[in-house]
PDB file of N, CA and C in Angstrom:
ATOM      1  N   UNK A   1      -7.495  14.788  -5.121  1.00  0.00           N
ATOM      2  CA  UNK A   1      -6.639  14.679  -6.345  1.00  0.00           C
ATOM      3  C   UNK A   1      -5.384  14.305  -6.089  1.00  0.00           C
ATOM      4  N   UNK A   2      -4.653  14.852  -4.809  1.00  0.00           N
ATOM      5  CA  UNK A   2      -3.384  14.249  -4.548  1.00  0.00           C
ATOM      6  C   UNK A   2      -3.521  12.836  -4.282  1.00  0.00           C
ATOM      7  N   UNK A   3      -4.384  12.336  -3.686  1.00  0.00           N
ATOM      8  CA  UNK A   3      -4.426  10.989  -3.295  1.00  0.00           C
ATOM      9  C   UNK A   3      -4.575  10.053  -4.643  1.00  0.00           C
ATOM     10  N   UNK A   4      -5.322  10.519  -5.637  1.00  0.00           N
ATOM     11  CA  UNK A   4      -5.353   9.682  -6.853  1.00  0.00           C
ATOM     12  C   UNK A   4      -3.997   9.675  -7.647  1.00  0.00           C
ATOM     13  N   UNK A   5      -3.460  10.815  -7.501  1.00  0.00           N
ATOM     14  CA  UNK A   5      -2.133  11.022  -8.280  1.00  0.00           C
ATOM     15  C   UNK A   5      -1.069  10.060  -7.703  1.00  0.00           C
ATOM     16  N   UNK A   6      -1.079  10.093  -6.296  1.00  0.00           N
ATOM     17  CA  UNK A   6      -0.193   9.246  -5.545  1.00  0.00           C
ATOM     18  C   UNK A   6      -0.440   7.606  -5.850  1.00  0.00           C
ATOM     19  N   UNK A   7      -1.740   7.259  -5.873  1.00  0.00           N
ATOM     20  CA  UNK A   7      -1.947   5.869  -5.967  1.00  0.00           C
ATOM     21  C   UNK A   7      -1.761   5.482  -7.412  1.00  0.00           C
ATOM     22  N   UNK A   8      -1.901   6.257  -8.354  1.00  0.00           N
ATOM     23  CA  UNK A   8      -1.577   6.124  -9.782  1.00  0.00           C
ATOM     24  C   UNK A   8      -0.013   6.098  -9.848  1.00  0.00           C
ATOM     25  N   UNK A   9       0.707   6.934  -9.333  1.00  0.00           N
ATOM     26  CA  UNK A   9       2.221   6.916  -9.438  1.00  0.00           C
ATOM     27  C   UNK A   9       2.761   5.607  -8.822  1.00  0.00           C
ATOM     28  N   UNK A  10       2.260   5.149  -7.880  1.00  0.00           N
ATOM     29  CA  UNK A  10       2.667   3.785  -7.265  1.00  0.00           C
ATOM     30  C   UNK A  10       2.367   2.790  -8.042  1.00  0.00           C
ATOM     31  N   UNK A  11       1.077   2.707  -8.791  1.00  0.00           N
ATOM     32  CA  UNK A  11       0.662   1.631  -9.565  1.00  0.00           C
ATOM     33  C   UNK A  11       1.614   1.598 -10.910  1.00  0.00           C
ATOM     34  N   UNK A  12       1.778   2.863 -11.602  1.00  0.00           N
ATOM     35  CA  UNK A  12       2.723   2.833 -12.666  1.00  0.00           C
ATOM     36  C   UNK A  12       3.929   2.465 -12.422  1.00  0.00           C
ATOM     37  N   UNK A  13       4.643   2.852 -11.215  1.00  0.00           N
ATOM     38  CA  UNK A  13       5.930   2.473 -11.102  1.00  0.00           C
ATOM     39  C   UNK A  13       6.026   0.895 -10.713  1.00  0.00           C
ATOM     40  N   UNK A  14       5.030   0.254 -10.394  1.00  0.00           N
ATOM     41  CA  UNK A  14       5.087  -1.184 -10.226  1.00  0.00           C
ATOM     42  C   UNK A  14       4.695  -1.720 -11.363  1.00  0.00           C
ATOM     43  N   UNK A  15       4.235  -1.058 -12.559  1.00  0.00           N
ATOM     44  CA  UNK A  15       3.926  -1.809 -13.819  1.00  0.00           C
ATOM     45  C   UNK A  15       4.779  -1.295 -14.921  1.00  0.00           C
ATOM     46  N   UNK A  16       5.904  -0.804 -14.511  1.00  0.00           N
ATOM     47  CA  UNK A  16       6.863  -0.317 -15.592  1.00  0.00           C
ATOM     48  C   UNK A  16       7.252  -1.524 -16.483  1.00  0.00           C
ATOM     49  N   UNK A  17       7.603  -2.862 -16.075  1.00  0.00           N
ATOM     50  CA  UNK A  17       7.947  -3.929 -16.804  1.00  0.00           C
ATOM     51  C   UNK A  17       6.540  -4.317 -17.840  1.00  0.00           C
ATOM     52  N   UNK A  18       5.329  -4.304 -17.291  1.00  0.00           N
ATOM     53  CA  UNK A  18       4.190  -4.418 -18.097  1.00  0.00           C
ATOM     54  C   UNK A  18       4.114  -3.502 -19.182  1.00  0.00           C
ATOM     55  N   UNK A  19       4.396  -2.234 -18.925  1.00  0.00           N
ATOM     56  CA  UNK A  19       4.198  -1.241 -19.887  1.00  0.00           C
ATOM     57  C   UNK A  19       5.251  -1.444 -21.015  1.00  0.00           C
ATOM     58  N   UNK A  20       6.575  -1.803 -20.583  1.00  0.00           N
ATOM     59  CA  UNK A  20       7.595  -1.970 -21.574  1.00  0.00           C
ATOM     60  C   UNK A  20       7.193  -3.129 -22.405  1.00  0.00           C
ATOM     61  N   UNK A  21       6.582  -4.229 -21.955  1.00  0.00           N
ATOM     62  CA  UNK A  21       6.361  -5.521 -22.701  1.00  0.00           C
ATOM     63  C   UNK A  21       5.197  -5.053 -23.687  1.00  0.00           C
ATOM     64  N   UNK A  22       4.223  -4.445 -23.005  1.00  0.00           N
ATOM     65  CA  UNK A  22       3.122  -3.988 -24.017  1.00  0.00           C
ATOM     66  C   UNK A  22       3.628  -3.258 -25.300  1.00  0.00           C
ATOM     67  N   UNK A  23       4.513  -2.257 -25.015  1.00  0.00           N
ATOM     68  CA  UNK A  23       5.007  -1.283 -26.008  1.00  0.00           C
ATOM     69  C   UNK A  23       5.841  -2.143 -27.025  1.00  0.00           C
ATOM     70  N   UNK A  24       6.610  -3.186 -26.522  1.00  0.00           N
ATOM     71  CA  UNK A  24       7.476  -4.015 -27.228  1.00  0.00           C
ATOM     72  C   UNK A  24       6.666  -4.784 -28.257  1.00  0.00           C
ATOM     73  N   UNK A  25       5.551  -5.285 -27.835  1.00  0.00           N
ATOM     74  CA  UNK A  25       4.780  -6.128 -28.670  1.00  0.00           C
ATOM     75  C   UNK A  25       3.843  -5.281 -29.501  1.00  0.00           C
ATOM     76  N   UNK A  26       3.857  -3.959 -29.666  1.00  0.00           N
ATOM     77  CA  UNK A  26       3.063  -3.242 -30.468  1.00  0.00           C
ATOM     78  C   UNK A  26       1.971  -2.218 -29.911  1.00  0.00           C
ATOM     79  N   UNK A  27       1.837  -2.251 -28.683  1.00  0.00           N
ATOM     80  CA  UNK A  27       0.963  -1.142 -28.178  1.00  0.00           C
ATOM     81  C   UNK A  27       1.433   0.197 -28.458  1.00  0.00           C
ATOM     82  N   UNK A  28       0.594   1.180 -28.627  1.00  0.00           N
ATOM     83  CA  UNK A  28       0.895   2.532 -29.007  1.00  0.00           C
ATOM     84  C   UNK A  28       0.982   3.276 -27.583  1.00  0.00           C
ATOM     85  N   UNK A  29       1.880   4.265 -27.536  1.00  0.00           N
ATOM     86  CA  UNK A  29       1.908   4.904 -26.308  1.00  0.00           C
ATOM     87  C   UNK A  29       0.643   5.585 -25.765  1.00  0.00           C
ATOM     88  N   UNK A  30      -0.314   5.874 -26.742  1.00  0.00           N
ATOM     89  CA  UNK A  30      -1.643   6.437 -26.467  1.00  0.00           C
ATOM     90  C   UNK A  30      -2.502   5.430 -25.889  1.00  0.00           C
ATOM     91  N   UNK A  31      -2.272   4.292 -26.057  1.00  0.00           N
ATOM     92  CA  UNK A  31      -2.977   3.127 -25.528  1.00  0.00           C
ATOM     93  C   UNK A  31      -2.757   3.086 -23.901  1.00  0.00           C
ATOM     94  N   UNK A  32      -1.285   3.111 -23.724  1.00  0.00           N
ATOM     95  CA  UNK A  32      -0.887   3.078 -22.319  1.00  0.00           C
ATOM     96  C   UNK A  32      -1.358   4.199 -21.572  1.00  0.00           C
ATOM     97  N   UNK A  33      -1.372   5.505 -22.098  1.00  0.00           N
ATOM     98  CA  UNK A  33      -1.860   6.597 -21.484  1.00  0.00           C
ATOM     99  C   UNK A  33      -3.282   6.427 -21.198  1.00  0.00           C
ATOM    100  N   UNK A  34      -3.993   5.918 -22.215  1.00  0.00           N
ATOM    101  CA  UNK A  34      -5.482   5.853 -21.861  1.00  0.00           C
ATOM    102  C   UNK A  34      -5.906   4.780 -20.847  1.00  0.00           C
ATOM    103  N   UNK A  35      -5.015   3.749 -20.691  1.00  0.00           N
ATOM    104  CA  UNK A  35      -5.377   2.748 -19.631  1.00  0.00           C
ATOM    105  C   UNK A  35      -5.090   3.280 -18.295  1.00  0.00           C
ATOM    106  N   UNK A  36      -3.885   4.135 -18.185  1.00  0.00           N
ATOM    107  CA  UNK A  36      -3.709   4.752 -16.806  1.00  0.00           C
ATOM    108  C   UNK A  36      -4.742   5.880 -16.498  1.00  0.00           C
ATOM    109  N   UNK A  37      -5.319   6.623 -17.634  1.00  0.00           N
ATOM    110  CA  UNK A  37      -6.217   7.587 -17.340  1.00  0.00           C
ATOM    111  C   UNK A  37      -7.536   6.905 -16.840  1.00  0.00           C
ATOM    112  N   UNK A  38      -7.936   5.714 -17.513  1.00  0.00           N
ATOM    113  CA  UNK A  38      -9.002   5.150 -17.110  1.00  0.00           C
ATOM    114  C   UNK A  38      -8.818   4.452 -15.762  1.00  0.00           C
ATOM    115  N   UNK A  39      -7.770   4.082 -15.297  1.00  0.00           N
ATOM    116  CA  UNK A  39      -7.563   3.529 -13.924  1.00  0.00           C
ATOM    117  C   UNK A  39      -7.726   4.704 -13.002  1.00  0.00           C
ATOM    118  N   UNK A  40      -7.177   5.928 -13.414  1.00  0.00           N
ATOM    119  CA  UNK A  40      -7.270   7.108 -12.461  1.00  0.00           C
ATOM    120  C   UNK A  40      -8.726   7.546 -12.137  1.00  0.00           C
ATOM    121  N   UNK A  41      -9.549   7.299 -13.476  1.00  0.00           N
ATOM    122  CA  UNK A  41     -10.982   7.699 -13.269  1.00  0.00           C
ATOM    123  C   UNK A  41     -11.687   6.533 -12.307  1.00  0.00           C
ATOM    124  N   UNK A  42     -11.285   5.386 -12.433  1.00  0.00           N
ATOM    125  CA  UNK A  42     -11.871   4.220 -11.535  1.00  0.00           C
ATOM    126  C   UNK A  42     -11.581   4.505 -10.252  1.00  0.00           C
ATOM    127  N   UNK A  43     -10.298   4.895  -9.954  1.00  0.00           N
ATOM    128  CA  UNK A  43      -9.886   5.126  -8.582  1.00  0.00           C
ATOM    129  C   UNK A  43     -10.614   6.448  -7.968  1.00  0.00           C
ATOM    130  N   UNK A  44     -10.687   7.387  -8.794  1.00  0.00           N
ATOM    131  CA  UNK A  44     -11.467   8.652  -8.245  1.00  0.00           C
ATOM    132  C   UNK A  44     -12.930   8.242  -7.954  1.00  0.00           C
ATOM    133  N   UNK A  45     -13.585   7.517  -8.923  1.00  0.00           N
ATOM    134  CA  UNK A  45     -14.893   7.131  -8.727  1.00  0.00           C
ATOM    135  C   UNK A  45     -15.070   6.181  -7.509  1.00  0.00           C
ATOM    136  N   UNK A  46     -14.184   5.290  -7.150  1.00  0.00           N
ATOM    137  CA  UNK A  46     -14.175   4.533  -6.192  1.00  0.00           C
ATOM    138  C   UNK A  46     -14.095   5.477  -4.826  1.00  0.00           C
ATOM    139  N   UNK A  47     -13.197   6.384  -4.832  1.00  0.00           N
ATOM    140  CA  UNK A  47     -12.930   7.213  -3.765  1.00  0.00           C
ATOM    141  C   UNK A  47     -14.236   8.039  -3.437  1.00  0.00           C
ATOM    142  N   UNK A  48     -14.967   8.612  -4.510  1.00  0.00           N
ATOM    143  CA  UNK A  48     -16.090   9.346  -4.286  1.00  0.00           C
ATOM    144  C   UNK A  48     -17.238   8.453  -3.772  1.00  0.00           C
ATOM    145  N   UNK A  49     -17.392   7.320  -4.278  1.00  0.00           N
ATOM    146  CA  UNK A  49     -18.417   6.220  -3.800  1.00  0.00           C
ATOM    147  C   UNK A  49     -18.051   6.033  -2.259  1.00  0.00           C
ATOM    148  N   UNK A  50     -16.859   5.747  -2.135  1.00  0.00           N
ATOM    149  CA  UNK A  50     -16.572   5.619  -0.626  1.00  0.00           C
ATOM    150  C   UNK A  50     -16.889   6.682   0.337  1.00  0.00           C
ATOM    151  N   UNK A  51     -16.570   7.872  -0.187  1.00  0.00           N
ATOM    152  CA  UNK A  51     -16.833   8.963   0.555  1.00  0.00           C
ATOM    153  C   UNK A  51     -18.229   9.091   1.031  1.00  0.00           C
ATOM    154  N   UNK A  52     -19.080   8.841  -0.114  1.00  0.00           N
ATOM    155  CA  UNK A  52     -20.337   9.094  -0.028  1.00  0.00           C
ATOM    156  C   UNK A  52     -21.076   8.032   0.907  1.00  0.00           C
ATOM    157  N   UNK A  53     -20.602   6.822   0.744  1.00  0.00           N
ATOM    158  CA  UNK A  53     -21.038   5.699   1.821  1.00  0.00           C
ATOM    159  C   UNK A  53     -20.584   6.100   3.158  1.00  0.00           C
ATOM    160  N   UNK A  54     -19.338   6.558   3.314  1.00  0.00           N
ATOM    161  CA  UNK A  54     -18.813   6.726   4.715  1.00  0.00           C
ATOM    162  C   UNK A  54     -19.554   7.968   5.188  1.00  0.00           C
ATOM    163  N   UNK A  55     -20.025   8.936   4.525  1.00  0.00           N
ATOM    164  CA  UNK A  55     -20.794  10.059   5.026  1.00  0.00           C
ATOM    165  C   UNK A  55     -22.306   9.436   5.444  1.00  0.00           C
ATOM    166  N   UNK A  56     -22.773   8.745   4.589  1.00  0.00           N
ATOM    167  CA  UNK A  56     -24.204   8.146   4.763  1.00  0.00           C
ATOM    168  C   UNK A  56     -24.157   7.367   6.158  1.00  0.00           C
ATOM    169  N   UNK A  57     -23.098   6.499   6.308  1.00  0.00           N
ATOM    170  CA  UNK A  57     -22.973   5.702   7.584  1.00  0.00           C
ATOM    171  C   UNK A  57     -22.606   6.662   8.543  1.00  0.00           C
ATOM    172  N   UNK A  58     -22.016   7.653   8.467  1.00  0.00           N
ATOM    173  CA  UNK A  58     -21.548   8.574   9.608  1.00  0.00           C
ATOM    174  C   UNK A  58     -22.846   9.125  10.155  1.00  0.00           C
ATOM    175  N   UNK A  59     -23.730   9.400   9.260  1.00  0.00           N
ATOM    176  CA  UNK A  59     -25.158  10.051   9.764  1.00  0.00           C
ATOM    177  C   UNK A  59     -26.030   9.152  10.529  1.00  0.00           C
ATOM    178  N   UNK A  60     -25.674   7.807  10.473  1.00  0.00           N
ATOM    179  CA  UNK A  60     -26.565   6.893  11.308  1.00  0.00           C
ATOM    180  C   UNK A  60     -25.850   6.784  12.637  1.00  0.00           C
ATOM    181  N   UNK A  61     -26.620   6.378  13.692  1.00  0.00           N
ATOM    182  CA  UNK A  61     -26.115   6.191  14.903  1.00  0.00           C
ATOM    183  C   UNK A  61     -25.439   4.766  15.044  1.00  0.00           C
ATOM    184  N   UNK A  62     -24.467   4.913  15.846  1.00  0.00           N
ATOM    185  CA  UNK A  62     -23.519   3.587  16.056  1.00  0.00           C
ATOM    186  C   UNK A  62     -23.233   2.790  14.880  1.00  0.00           C
ATOM    187  N   UNK A  63     -22.584   3.368  13.864  1.00  0.00           N
ATOM    188  CA  UNK A  63     -22.179   2.748  12.653  1.00  0.00           C
ATOM    189  C   UNK A  63     -20.691   2.741  12.508  1.00  0.00           C
ATOM    190  N   UNK A  64     -19.912   2.889  13.632  1.00  0.00           N
ATOM    191  CA  UNK A  64     -18.426   2.861  13.403  1.00  0.00           C
ATOM    192  C   UNK A  64     -17.930   1.587  12.959  1.00  0.00           C
ATOM    193  N   UNK A  65     -18.509   0.465  13.600  1.00  0.00           N
ATOM    194  CA  UNK A  65     -18.000  -0.813  13.150  1.00  0.00           C
ATOM    195  C   UNK A  65     -18.330  -1.045  11.793  1.00  0.00           C
ATOM    196  N   UNK A  66     -19.550  -0.689  11.248  1.00  0.00           N
ATOM    197  CA  UNK A  66     -19.989  -0.885   9.925  1.00  0.00           C
ATOM    198  C   UNK A  66     -19.092  -0.150   8.907  1.00  0.00           C
ATOM    199  N   UNK A  67     -18.710   1.016   9.311  1.00  0.00           N
ATOM    200  CA  UNK A  67     -17.818   1.650   8.580  1.00  0.00           C
ATOM    201  C   UNK A  67     -16.433   1.069   8.477  1.00  0.00           C
ATOM    202  N   UNK A  68     -15.919   0.496   9.543  1.00  0.00           N
ATOM    203  CA  UNK A  68     -14.744  -0.240   9.399  1.00  0.00           C
ATOM    204  C   UNK A  68     -14.776  -1.467   8.563  1.00  0.00           C
ATOM    205  N   UNK A  69     -15.970  -2.129   8.568  1.00  0.00           N
ATOM    206  CA  UNK A  69     -16.032  -3.266   7.782  1.00  0.00           C
ATOM    207  C   UNK A  69     -16.053  -3.036   6.239  1.00  0.00           C
ATOM    208  N   UNK A  70     -16.844  -1.848   5.929  1.00  0.00           N
ATOM    209  CA  UNK A  70     -16.966  -1.501   4.638  1.00  0.00           C
ATOM    210  C   UNK A  70     -15.703  -0.969   4.027  1.00  0.00           C
ATOM    211  N   UNK A  71     -14.958  -0.250   4.910  1.00  0.00           N
ATOM    212  CA  UNK A  71     -13.656   0.190   4.529  1.00  0.00           C
ATOM    213  C   UNK A  71     -12.626  -0.992   4.231  1.00  0.00           C
ATOM    214  N   UNK A  72     -12.746  -2.066   4.992  1.00  0.00           N
ATOM    215  CA  UNK A  72     -12.062  -3.261   4.767  1.00  0.00           C
ATOM    216  C   UNK A  72     -12.321  -4.061   3.738  1.00  0.00           C
ATOM    217  N   UNK A  73     -13.476  -4.157   3.171  1.00  0.00           N
ATOM    218  CA  UNK A  73     -14.043  -5.017   2.281  1.00  0.00           C
ATOM    219  C   UNK A  73     -13.084  -5.211   0.980  1.00  0.00           C
ATOM    220  N   UNK A  74     -12.764  -3.986   0.355  1.00  0.00           N
ATOM    221  CA  UNK A  74     -11.998  -4.067  -1.039  1.00  0.00           C
ATOM    222  C   UNK A  74     -10.573  -4.742  -0.744  1.00  0.00           C
ATOM    223  N   UNK A  75      -9.833  -4.248   0.130  1.00  0.00           N
ATOM    224  CA  UNK A  75      -8.582  -4.927   0.468  1.00  0.00           C
ATOM    225  C   UNK A  75      -8.632  -6.305   0.819  1.00  0.00           C
ATOM    226  N   UNK A  76      -9.718  -6.623   1.508  1.00  0.00           N
ATOM    227  CA  UNK A  76      -9.944  -8.124   1.759  1.00  0.00           C
ATOM    228  C   UNK A  76     -10.140  -8.888   0.676  1.00  0.00           C
ATOM    229  N   UNK A  77     -11.023  -8.426  -0.149  1.00  0.00           N
ATOM    230  CA  UNK A  77     -11.318  -9.322  -1.370  1.00  0.00           C
ATOM    231  C   UNK A  77     -10.148  -9.266  -2.269  1.00  0.00           C
ATOM    232  N   UNK A  78      -9.329  -8.333  -2.468  1.00  0.00           N
ATOM    233  CA  UNK A  78      -8.195  -8.349  -3.197  1.00  0.00           C
ATOM    234  C   UNK A  78      -7.120  -9.282  -2.662  1.00  0.00           C
ATOM    235  N   UNK A  79      -7.007  -9.344  -1.336  1.00  0.00           N
ATOM    236  CA  UNK A  79      -6.013 -10.326  -0.714  1.00  0.00           C
ATOM    237  C   UNK A  79      -6.673 -11.667  -0.889  1.00  0.00           C
ATOM    238  N   UNK A  80      -7.883 -11.955  -0.849  1.00  0.00           N
ATOM    239  CA  UNK A  80      -8.420 -13.427  -0.962  1.00  0.00           C
ATOM    240  C   UNK A  80      -8.323 -13.919  -2.502  1.00  0.00           C
ATOM    241  N   UNK A  81      -8.045 -12.868  -3.582  1.00  0.00           N
ATOM    242  CA  UNK A  81      -7.868 -13.414  -4.820  1.00  0.00           C
ATOM    243  C   UNK A  81      -6.509 -13.125  -5.551  1.00  0.00           C
ATOM    244  N   UNK A  82      -5.571 -13.139  -4.727  1.00  0.00           N
ATOM    245  CA  UNK A  82      -4.036 -12.936  -5.070  1.00  0.00           C
ATOM    246  C   UNK A  82      -3.793 -14.346  -5.871  1.00  0.00           C
ATOM    247  N   UNK A  83      -3.154 -14.052  -7.096  1.00  0.00           N
ATOM    248  CA  UNK A  83      -2.605 -15.003  -7.929  1.00  0.00           C
ATOM    249  C   UNK A  83      -1.412 -15.834  -7.158  1.00  0.00           C
ATOM    250  N   UNK A  84      -1.571 -17.006  -6.753  1.00  0.00           N
ATOM    251  CA  UNK A  84      -0.460 -17.555  -5.959  1.00  0.00           C
ATOM    252  C   UNK A  84       0.912 -17.607  -6.672  1.00  0.00           C
ATOM    253  N   UNK A  85       0.880 -17.954  -7.856  1.00  0.00           N
ATOM    254  CA  UNK A  85       2.209 -18.077  -8.468  1.00  0.00           C
ATOM    255  C   UNK A  85       2.909 -16.702  -8.641  1.00  0.00           C
ATOM    256  N   UNK A  86       2.185 -15.690  -9.011  1.00  0.00           N
ATOM    257  CA  UNK A  86       2.661 -14.389  -9.023  1.00  0.00           C
ATOM    258  C   UNK A  86       3.102 -13.847  -7.783  1.00  0.00           C
ATOM    259  N   UNK A  87       2.446 -14.154  -6.693  1.00  0.00           N
ATOM    260  CA  UNK A  87       2.818 -13.789  -5.294  1.00  0.00           C
ATOM    261  C   UNK A  87       4.246 -14.376  -4.935  1.00  0.00           C
ATOM    262  N   UNK A  88       4.354 -15.652  -5.403  1.00  0.00           N
ATOM    263  CA  UNK A  88       5.606 -16.394  -4.995  1.00  0.00           C
ATOM    264  C   UNK A  88       6.715 -15.990  -5.864  1.00  0.00           C
ATOM    265  N   UNK A  89       6.395 -15.312  -7.174  1.00  0.00           N
ATOM    266  CA  UNK A  89       7.613 -14.871  -8.017  1.00  0.00           C
ATOM    267  C   UNK A  89       7.991 -13.553  -7.458  1.00  0.00           C
ATOM    268  N   UNK A  90       7.379 -12.790  -6.979  1.00  0.00           N
ATOM    269  CA  UNK A  90       7.827 -11.342  -6.558  1.00  0.00           C
ATOM    270  C   UNK A  90       8.881 -11.316  -5.609  1.00  0.00           C
ATOM    271  N   UNK A  91       9.643 -10.264  -5.792  1.00  0.00           N
ATOM    272  CA  UNK A  91      10.840 -10.166  -4.924  1.00  0.00           C
ATOM    273  C   UNK A  91      10.574 -10.068  -3.505  1.00  0.00           C
TER     274      UNK A  91
END
């Protein structure tokens, strides 16, 4: 639970500008709250799924390399799909 809260806090702090713009163009605060809660649920579900896969792999002999690969997949896929212009605009 603490991990989900930390990840969400980091995500929200990085999206303050986005939320401000969404509110300025007419989004309701409830919509923002709903989107953050949905994101939290997805993060928690991904964590549970990751834990289950890790536990399953740990029960198999000699799977430490496979565990490392599985744990690296999501960050690697995210890095491969970075929006170039957005990345160059950031501070």
